[in-house]
Protein backbone atom coordinates (compact mmCIF):
# COMPACT_ATOMS: atom_id res chain seq x y z
CA MET A 1 72.79 164.61 27.05
CA ILE A 2 70.95 167.82 28.37
CA ASN A 3 68.69 167.67 24.98
CA LYS A 4 68.34 163.75 25.53
CA ILE A 5 67.26 164.12 29.38
CA LYS A 6 64.68 166.90 28.22
CA ARG A 7 63.10 164.46 25.43
CA ILE A 8 62.59 161.55 27.72
CA ALA A 9 60.97 164.30 30.64
CA LYS A 10 58.48 165.08 27.69
CA THR A 11 57.87 161.42 27.07
CA ASP A 12 54.18 160.68 27.81
CA LEU A 13 55.36 157.31 30.53
CA ILE A 14 57.27 160.37 32.32
CA GLN A 15 54.77 162.92 32.00
CA THR A 16 51.67 160.83 33.42
CA SER A 17 54.26 159.06 36.06
CA PHE A 18 54.97 162.85 37.45
CA LEU A 19 51.08 163.26 37.69
CA ASN A 20 50.57 160.35 39.14
CA GLY A 21 53.20 160.45 41.63
CA ILE A 22 51.61 163.39 43.14
CA ALA A 23 48.14 162.00 43.12
CA ASN A 24 49.98 158.99 45.10
CA ILE A 25 51.14 160.84 47.32
CA VAL A 26 48.43 162.18 48.68
CA ARG A 27 46.68 158.69 48.53
CA ILE A 28 49.45 157.40 50.31
CA PHE A 29 49.41 159.81 52.84
CA THR A 30 45.56 159.40 53.29
CA GLY A 31 46.10 156.09 53.25
CA LEU A 32 48.83 156.27 56.17
CA ILE A 33 46.31 157.94 58.23
CA SER A 34 43.55 155.95 57.56
CA ASN A 35 45.62 153.22 58.39
CA LYS A 36 46.80 154.56 61.49
CA ILE A 37 43.55 155.36 62.74
CA VAL A 38 41.89 151.73 62.26
CA ALA A 39 44.84 150.27 63.77
CA VAL A 40 44.69 152.38 66.86
CA TYR A 41 41.19 152.01 67.06
CA LEU A 42 40.32 148.60 66.03
CA GLY A 43 43.78 146.54 66.48
CA PRO A 44 44.79 143.59 64.75
CA ALA A 45 41.50 141.78 64.92
CA GLY A 46 39.51 144.50 63.38
CA VAL A 47 42.52 145.55 60.58
CA ALA A 48 41.54 141.66 59.37
CA LEU A 49 38.22 141.62 59.53
CA LEU A 50 38.38 145.14 57.52
CA GLY A 51 40.79 143.06 54.84
CA GLN A 52 38.19 140.68 55.02
CA PHE A 53 35.08 143.52 54.11
CA ASN A 54 37.10 144.84 51.75
CA ASN A 55 38.26 141.65 49.76
CA LEU A 56 34.13 141.08 49.58
CA THR A 57 33.81 144.33 48.51
CA SER A 58 36.53 144.13 45.55
CA MET A 59 34.45 140.90 44.52
CA ALA A 60 30.90 142.42 44.14
CA MET A 61 32.28 145.27 42.34
CA SER A 62 34.26 142.87 40.12
CA PHE A 63 30.85 141.08 39.10
CA SER A 64 28.78 144.47 39.15
CA THR A 65 30.89 145.38 36.13
CA LEU A 66 31.39 141.92 34.65
CA GLY A 67 34.72 142.63 34.90
CA ILE A 68 34.80 144.75 31.61
CA ASN A 69 36.71 148.12 32.71
CA SER A 70 39.88 146.56 31.34
CA GLY A 71 38.60 145.88 27.86
CA ILE A 72 36.52 149.63 27.44
CA THR A 73 39.81 150.93 28.13
CA LYS A 74 41.91 148.84 26.03
CA TYR A 75 39.21 148.94 23.32
CA THR A 76 38.32 152.93 23.27
CA ALA A 77 42.42 153.89 22.85
CA GLU A 78 42.46 150.98 20.41
CA TYR A 79 40.03 152.52 18.25
CA TYR A 80 40.87 156.47 18.83
CA ASP A 81 40.32 156.70 14.78
CA ASN A 82 37.09 155.03 14.66
CA ASN A 83 33.72 156.70 16.36
CA THR A 84 31.42 154.19 15.44
CA GLU A 85 33.41 151.45 17.17
CA ARG A 86 34.30 153.39 20.30
CA GLN A 87 30.39 154.01 20.65
CA ASN A 88 29.97 150.31 20.07
CA ILE A 89 31.92 149.36 22.95
CA LEU A 90 30.40 152.20 25.28
CA SER A 91 27.25 151.31 24.71
CA THR A 92 27.89 147.85 25.02
CA GLY A 93 30.03 148.28 28.41
CA PHE A 94 27.40 150.38 30.03
CA MET A 95 24.31 147.86 29.60
CA LEU A 96 26.41 145.18 30.83
CA THR A 97 27.78 147.28 33.45
CA LEU A 98 23.65 147.80 34.31
CA ILE A 99 22.83 144.08 34.17
CA GLY A 100 26.07 143.41 35.81
CA SER A 101 25.39 145.26 39.16
CA ILE A 102 21.66 144.90 39.17
CA VAL A 103 22.04 140.71 40.09
CA THR A 104 24.98 141.59 41.68
CA SER A 105 23.28 143.96 44.21
CA PHE A 106 20.31 141.08 44.37
CA VAL A 107 22.90 138.48 45.02
CA VAL A 108 24.48 140.37 48.13
CA PHE A 109 21.31 141.68 49.51
CA PHE A 110 19.49 138.21 50.36
CA MET A 111 23.33 136.01 51.44
CA ARG A 112 24.16 139.36 53.71
CA GLY A 113 23.86 137.34 56.80
CA TYR A 114 25.24 134.31 55.10
CA LEU A 115 28.28 136.69 53.84
CA SER A 116 28.72 138.36 57.54
CA ARG A 117 28.19 135.06 59.67
CA SER A 118 30.99 133.04 56.79
CA LEU A 119 33.50 136.04 56.43
CA LEU A 120 33.22 137.79 59.79
CA HIS A 121 32.09 134.96 61.84
CA THR A 122 29.33 137.17 63.69
CA ASP A 123 25.84 138.13 62.12
CA GLU A 124 26.46 141.39 63.62
CA TYR A 125 27.22 143.15 60.33
CA SER A 126 24.76 141.70 57.62
CA ALA A 127 23.71 145.48 57.80
CA ALA A 128 26.87 146.40 55.96
CA PHE A 129 26.23 143.94 53.31
CA GLY A 130 22.90 145.16 52.68
CA LEU A 131 24.20 148.74 52.27
CA LEU A 132 26.60 147.59 50.16
CA ALA A 133 24.14 145.87 47.56
CA PHE A 134 22.17 149.18 47.60
CA THR A 135 24.91 150.90 46.46
CA LEU A 136 26.91 148.89 44.03
CA ILE A 137 25.34 150.52 41.16
CA LEU A 138 27.05 153.71 41.95
CA PHE A 139 29.81 151.63 42.33
CA ALA A 140 29.89 149.87 39.39
CA ILE A 141 29.08 153.20 37.17
CA ASN A 142 32.17 155.34 38.76
CA ALA A 143 34.41 152.26 37.71
CA TYR A 144 33.02 152.50 34.10
CA LEU A 145 33.55 156.27 34.00
CA VAL A 146 37.14 156.15 34.88
CA SER A 147 37.82 153.04 32.32
CA ALA A 148 36.72 155.02 30.14
CA LEU A 149 38.46 158.13 30.75
CA ASN A 150 41.40 156.35 30.67
CA GLY A 151 41.26 154.41 27.78
CA TYR A 152 40.33 158.20 25.99
CA LYS A 153 43.92 159.29 27.71
CA GLU A 154 42.12 161.71 29.97
CA PHE A 155 45.01 161.06 32.32
CA LYS A 156 44.50 164.24 34.48
CA LYS A 157 40.79 163.97 34.99
CA VAL A 158 41.55 160.33 36.07
CA ILE A 159 44.09 161.25 38.44
CA SER A 160 41.83 164.02 39.76
CA VAL A 161 39.01 161.08 40.70
CA ASN A 162 42.11 159.08 42.15
CA VAL A 163 42.72 162.59 44.35
CA ALA A 164 39.24 163.06 45.72
CA THR A 165 38.92 159.39 46.48
CA SER A 166 41.85 159.59 48.69
CA ILE A 167 40.60 162.56 50.45
CA ILE A 168 36.94 161.52 50.71
CA GLY A 169 37.92 158.06 51.89
CA LEU A 170 40.35 159.53 54.50
CA ILE A 171 37.20 161.93 56.18
CA ILE A 172 34.75 159.37 56.16
CA SER A 173 36.87 156.84 57.82
CA ILE A 174 38.24 159.26 60.23
CA ALA A 175 34.60 160.19 61.62
CA LEU A 176 33.09 156.74 61.46
CA VAL A 177 35.97 154.67 62.47
CA ILE A 178 36.24 156.47 65.76
CA THR A 179 32.78 156.64 66.14
CA TYR A 180 31.18 153.23 65.32
CA GLY A 181 34.54 151.18 65.46
CA VAL A 182 34.40 147.62 62.79
CA TYR A 183 31.31 148.42 61.67
CA GLY A 184 31.94 151.97 60.62
CA ALA A 185 35.10 151.21 58.92
CA PHE A 186 32.62 148.86 56.56
CA ILE A 187 30.62 151.93 56.18
CA GLY A 188 33.23 154.17 55.43
CA VAL A 189 34.51 152.06 52.46
CA ILE A 190 31.02 151.92 51.02
CA LEU A 191 30.43 155.88 51.13
CA SER A 192 33.63 156.61 50.41
CA GLN A 193 33.20 154.47 46.87
CA THR A 194 29.43 155.94 46.64
CA LEU A 195 30.35 159.86 47.06
CA VAL A 196 33.15 159.55 44.78
CA CYS A 197 30.79 158.67 41.79
CA PHE A 198 29.30 161.87 41.52
CA ILE A 199 32.60 163.53 41.13
CA THR A 200 33.68 161.35 38.80
CA ILE A 201 30.26 162.28 36.91
CA PHE A 202 31.74 166.01 37.28
CA PHE A 203 34.71 165.17 35.68
CA VAL A 204 33.21 163.22 32.86
CA ILE A 205 30.11 165.57 31.96
CA LYS A 206 32.87 168.39 30.46
CA CYS A 207 34.05 165.70 27.96
CA SER A 208 33.30 165.95 24.23
CA TRP A 209 32.61 162.24 23.89
CA PHE A 210 29.82 162.13 27.10
CA HIS A 211 26.52 162.01 25.00
CA PRO A 212 23.57 159.46 25.27
CA LYS A 213 24.25 158.08 21.86
CA ASN A 214 27.40 156.77 23.67
CA PHE A 215 26.03 155.13 26.19
CA LEU A 216 22.16 153.96 25.09
CA SER A 217 22.76 152.76 21.73
CA GLY A 218 22.17 148.87 22.90
CA ILE A 219 24.65 146.05 22.81
CA ASN A 220 26.77 145.60 20.29
CA LYS A 221 27.10 141.89 19.41
CA GLU A 222 30.72 142.42 18.24
CA SER A 223 31.46 144.56 21.09
CA LEU A 224 30.24 141.98 23.31
CA LYS A 225 32.49 139.03 22.27
CA LYS A 226 35.70 141.44 22.50
CA LEU A 227 34.51 142.77 25.97
CA GLY A 228 33.71 139.14 26.95
CA LYS A 229 37.33 138.19 26.67
CA PHE A 230 38.18 140.60 29.49
CA SER A 231 35.25 139.76 31.44
CA LEU A 232 36.45 136.32 31.95
CA MET A 233 40.18 137.54 32.34
CA ALA A 234 38.94 139.78 35.30
CA LEU A 235 36.58 137.51 36.83
CA THR A 236 39.21 135.04 36.86
CA SER A 237 41.67 137.64 38.47
CA VAL A 238 39.11 137.77 40.97
CA PHE A 239 39.31 134.15 42.05
CA ALA A 240 43.31 134.12 41.65
CA ILE A 241 43.60 137.21 43.77
CA THR A 242 40.86 138.47 45.47
CA PHE A 243 38.85 135.41 46.99
CA ILE A 244 42.20 134.00 47.37
CA GLN A 245 43.38 136.19 49.59
CA LEU A 246 40.24 135.91 51.80
CA GLN A 247 40.70 132.54 52.24
CA ILE A 248 44.07 132.78 53.19
CA ARG A 249 43.19 135.31 55.83
CA ASN A 250 40.56 132.74 56.54
CA TYR A 251 42.96 129.86 57.09
CA ILE A 252 45.38 132.12 59.22
CA MET A 253 42.06 133.00 61.72
CA ASN A 254 41.18 129.71 61.67
CA SER A 255 44.39 127.53 62.38
CA ILE A 256 46.52 130.50 64.10
CA SER A 257 44.30 133.61 65.70
CA ILE A 258 42.55 136.13 64.27
CA GLN A 259 45.91 138.61 65.40
CA ASP A 260 47.89 136.69 62.95
CA ALA A 261 45.79 137.06 60.53
CA GLY A 262 45.39 141.09 61.19
CA TYR A 263 49.64 140.74 60.85
CA TRP A 264 49.45 139.51 57.53
CA GLN A 265 46.63 141.80 56.82
CA GLY A 266 49.41 144.77 58.09
CA VAL A 267 52.23 143.62 55.58
CA THR A 268 49.48 142.98 52.79
CA LYS A 269 48.49 146.66 53.49
CA ILE A 270 52.34 148.37 53.21
CA SER A 271 52.93 146.11 50.21
CA ASP A 272 49.71 148.19 48.58
CA LEU A 273 50.08 151.59 49.79
CA TYR A 274 54.26 151.54 48.56
CA LEU A 275 53.81 149.85 45.62
CA THR A 276 50.74 152.37 44.77
CA PHE A 277 53.07 153.96 42.49
CA ILE A 278 53.97 151.64 40.36
CA THR A 279 50.52 149.70 40.11
CA THR A 280 48.83 152.51 39.11
CA THR A 281 50.96 154.08 36.44
CA LEU A 282 50.32 150.59 34.82
CA ALA A 283 47.05 150.60 34.79
CA ILE A 284 46.87 154.47 33.44
CA TYR A 285 49.67 154.43 31.22
CA TYR A 286 50.88 151.18 30.54
CA LEU A 287 47.71 149.40 29.83
CA PRO A 288 46.54 152.11 26.86
CA ARG A 289 49.90 152.45 25.27
CA LEU A 290 50.57 148.48 24.93
CA SER A 291 46.95 148.46 23.29
CA GLU A 292 47.41 150.64 21.09
CA ILE A 293 50.64 149.21 19.76
CA LYS A 294 50.58 147.43 16.39
CA LYS A 295 54.17 146.72 15.96
CA SER A 296 56.41 144.05 17.67
CA GLU A 297 59.32 146.43 17.64
CA GLU A 298 57.42 149.33 19.00
CA LEU A 299 55.99 147.05 21.59
CA ARG A 300 59.48 145.64 23.00
CA ARG A 301 60.65 149.24 23.30
CA GLU A 302 57.63 149.71 25.72
CA ILE A 303 58.46 147.49 27.40
CA LYS A 304 62.20 147.42 27.72
CA LYS A 305 60.91 151.53 28.53
CA GLY A 306 58.98 149.96 31.84
CA TYR A 307 61.55 147.90 33.11
CA ILE A 308 64.19 150.50 33.03
CA PHE A 309 61.58 152.89 34.78
CA LEU A 310 59.47 151.50 36.81
CA LEU A 311 62.03 148.26 38.12
CA PRO A 312 64.55 150.05 39.77
CA LEU A 313 61.90 152.51 41.28
CA THR A 314 60.34 149.22 43.02
CA ILE A 315 64.03 148.10 44.36
CA ILE A 316 64.72 151.26 46.04
CA SER A 317 61.58 151.70 47.41
CA THR A 318 61.36 148.31 48.94
CA VAL A 319 64.84 148.31 50.25
CA LEU A 320 63.94 151.36 52.20
CA ILE A 321 60.91 150.09 53.45
CA TYR A 322 63.03 146.90 54.65
CA VAL A 323 65.82 149.26 56.31
CA PHE A 324 63.06 151.36 58.18
CA ARG A 325 60.79 148.38 58.98
CA SER A 326 60.36 148.76 62.33
CA PHE A 327 60.08 152.60 62.28
CA ILE A 328 57.29 152.14 60.02
CA VAL A 329 55.43 149.57 61.85
CA LYS A 330 55.44 151.67 65.62
CA THR A 331 54.09 154.83 62.88
CA LEU A 332 51.60 152.96 61.04
CA PHE A 333 50.59 150.55 63.20
CA SER A 334 50.79 150.46 67.24
CA GLU A 335 52.86 148.85 69.56
CA SER A 336 50.31 145.57 68.94
CA PHE A 337 51.23 145.02 65.69
CA ALA A 338 55.32 144.57 66.59
CA PRO A 339 55.45 141.10 65.85
CA MET A 340 54.63 142.40 62.06
CA VAL A 341 58.16 143.44 61.39
CA TYR A 342 59.52 139.37 60.91
CA LEU A 343 57.20 138.99 57.77
CA PHE A 344 58.96 142.14 56.14
CA PRO A 345 62.20 139.97 53.93
CA MET A 346 60.17 137.66 52.17
CA GLN A 347 57.25 139.49 51.66
CA LEU A 348 59.34 142.62 49.99
CA LEU A 349 60.96 140.30 47.84
CA GLY A 350 57.72 138.67 46.44
CA ASN A 351 57.04 142.14 45.65
CA ILE A 352 59.92 142.82 43.17
CA PHE A 353 59.13 139.08 41.57
CA LYS A 354 55.44 140.77 41.74
CA ILE A 355 56.23 143.79 39.21
CA SER A 356 58.87 142.58 37.18
CA SER A 357 55.94 139.71 36.35
CA TRP A 358 53.18 142.74 35.94
CA LEU A 359 55.43 144.31 33.70
CA LEU A 360 54.95 141.50 31.20
CA GLY A 361 51.32 140.45 32.51
CA TYR A 362 50.03 143.71 31.34
CA VAL A 363 50.87 142.46 27.77
CA ILE A 364 48.50 139.48 27.97
CA VAL A 365 45.78 141.53 28.98
CA ALA A 366 46.65 144.60 26.34
CA LYS A 367 46.64 142.01 23.41
CA ALA A 368 43.82 140.07 24.73
CA MET A 369 45.48 137.15 24.94
CA THR A 370 42.73 135.27 26.75
CA ARG A 371 43.18 131.50 26.88
CA VAL A 372 47.43 132.46 28.41
CA PHE A 373 45.87 134.79 30.85
CA ILE A 374 43.21 132.70 32.46
CA THR A 375 45.38 130.20 32.82
CA THR A 376 48.22 131.38 34.06
CA GLU A 377 45.89 133.07 36.44
CA ILE A 378 44.25 130.14 37.97
CA ILE A 379 47.28 127.86 38.70
CA PHE A 380 48.93 130.74 40.14
CA GLY A 381 46.30 131.13 42.45
CA ILE A 382 45.48 127.80 43.54
CA SER A 383 49.14 127.35 43.88
CA PHE A 384 49.42 130.14 46.26
CA TYR A 385 46.87 129.07 48.40
CA LEU A 386 48.15 125.62 48.60
CA LEU A 387 51.83 126.72 49.45
CA THR A 388 50.46 129.18 51.81
CA ARG A 389 48.55 126.12 53.70
CA LEU A 390 51.85 124.31 53.47
CA PHE A 391 54.06 127.12 54.54
CA VAL A 392 51.84 128.16 57.19
CA ALA A 393 51.22 124.29 58.88
CA ARG A 394 55.44 124.06 58.81
CA TYR A 395 56.23 127.88 59.99
CA GLY A 396 53.52 130.00 61.32
CA VAL A 397 51.83 133.15 59.95
CA VAL A 398 55.48 133.77 58.77
CA GLY A 399 54.78 131.10 56.15
CA ALA A 400 52.48 133.28 54.10
CA THR A 401 55.17 135.55 53.15
CA TYR A 402 56.92 132.85 51.74
CA SER A 403 54.44 131.18 49.64
CA TYR A 404 53.85 134.99 48.15
CA ALA A 405 57.55 134.96 47.14
CA VAL A 406 57.65 132.14 45.75
CA ASN A 407 54.94 132.06 43.92
CA TYR A 408 55.29 135.34 42.23
CA PHE A 409 59.12 134.37 41.58
CA ILE A 410 57.48 130.74 39.65
CA TYR A 411 54.76 133.22 37.81
CA MET A 412 57.47 135.95 36.42
CA VAL A 413 59.78 133.04 35.13
CA VAL A 414 56.21 131.39 33.31
CA LEU A 415 55.77 134.33 31.86
CA LEU A 416 59.25 134.98 30.55
CA VAL A 417 59.16 131.61 28.87
CA VAL A 418 55.57 132.46 27.37
CA PHE A 419 56.89 136.21 26.06
CA ASN A 420 60.12 134.83 24.55
CA SER A 421 57.57 132.01 22.70
CA MET A 422 55.54 134.66 21.46
CA ARG A 423 58.70 136.48 20.00
CA SER A 424 60.02 133.72 18.85
CA LYS A 425 56.58 132.36 16.98
CA LYS A 426 56.14 136.04 15.87
CA ILE A 427 52.47 135.75 17.45
CA ILE A 428 52.33 139.42 18.07
CA CYS A 429 54.54 140.64 15.74
CA ASP A 430 52.90 143.77 13.29
CA GLN A 431 49.27 142.07 14.08
CA THR A 432 46.54 144.58 15.71
CA SER A 433 45.68 143.88 18.67
CA SER A 434 41.66 143.76 18.04
CA GLU A 435 41.91 140.42 16.28
CA PRO A 436 42.87 138.75 19.87
CA GLU A 437 41.55 135.14 18.52
CA ASN A 438 45.19 134.67 16.88
CA ILE A 439 46.94 135.11 19.89
CA THR A 440 45.03 133.34 22.21
CA GLU A 441 46.19 129.99 20.52
CA VAL A 442 49.55 130.44 22.50
């Protein structure tokens, strides 16, 4: 038994999870402090506005990278024994990143006034969008390099970058929020992501694969086709998650109040914080691991391992959050956020359904099942928004958590059906994941 435990402890999943756990302790700790500062100095209304700006920033970064980051991770990991293919992927990815970031920067800059009015209901913050436009190229390069590190399984360096991001973000956030309020919070988001790019470059320079030929060999047609599938999937996710969140927050602001939008943003923030360990483990370990698997039985074992290890962890942490929800709201926010307590039950239940579905959802991403991914993301993004409008109109802001739980439950059931269909039709059995065209016919 002891030897078996030792063997399990030496597996990549456990070791990566342990290192990632340390990084996430730092990330959660810094996030909690930053969240407290924002809540105290900005209040529910400021938290809602910051949520809007964060969503827009995420969308801009996705368009800057053309959504190819998961593809870079997948194919860099998959072509571990083919340097030519790796070079084609890295070079094509780098050129696409430059093109995407330049085009997106121009769009954000010339639309800065409109974005400020439509998302934040004032012209006051248009300068923040202008600054975002000028720094997007650094956002994009940082995301590209981290994806490459992940594909090369340089887990320690990826985790080091994550720790640096957390600490830099905290320092900048505290200084700017206290000094400049909401506007300072926006600038903090921009500067923290900008500065961490130079830290990432510091780690990458020391890697054996960091060579100009890997980045400046032009665009390879076949690599472009492969990364294009991930671009479609990622940009679909921008619509299904980030854009939908932005619209839901806008709907709550307009139909109820900006304070209620702040309560919903607060409970969403708590969900993101405590699920950070799970979601980053999925991204750092799970995606490259699933990408390199070519046997159906091995894939099944890996998925089972994920459920055995990660799902109980999710349930336990969810129960603890629920039990201490009142204390958490008072500690992490302020008395003005007290009504947020009533939003926890269904939000937390939805988180369990979310992780359960994501464990299967990463199979779709890893195997480049473009058609399945895009279809499900669009359908469930729209259904989340429509369910939210329905439930919020009937129950108030708590209805947004009802729609969250219901939507992820249905999503989980659908992915189970899809995965069982794949197994029964032997679509993913003993095939190389470098041929996604055969898989997208599901």
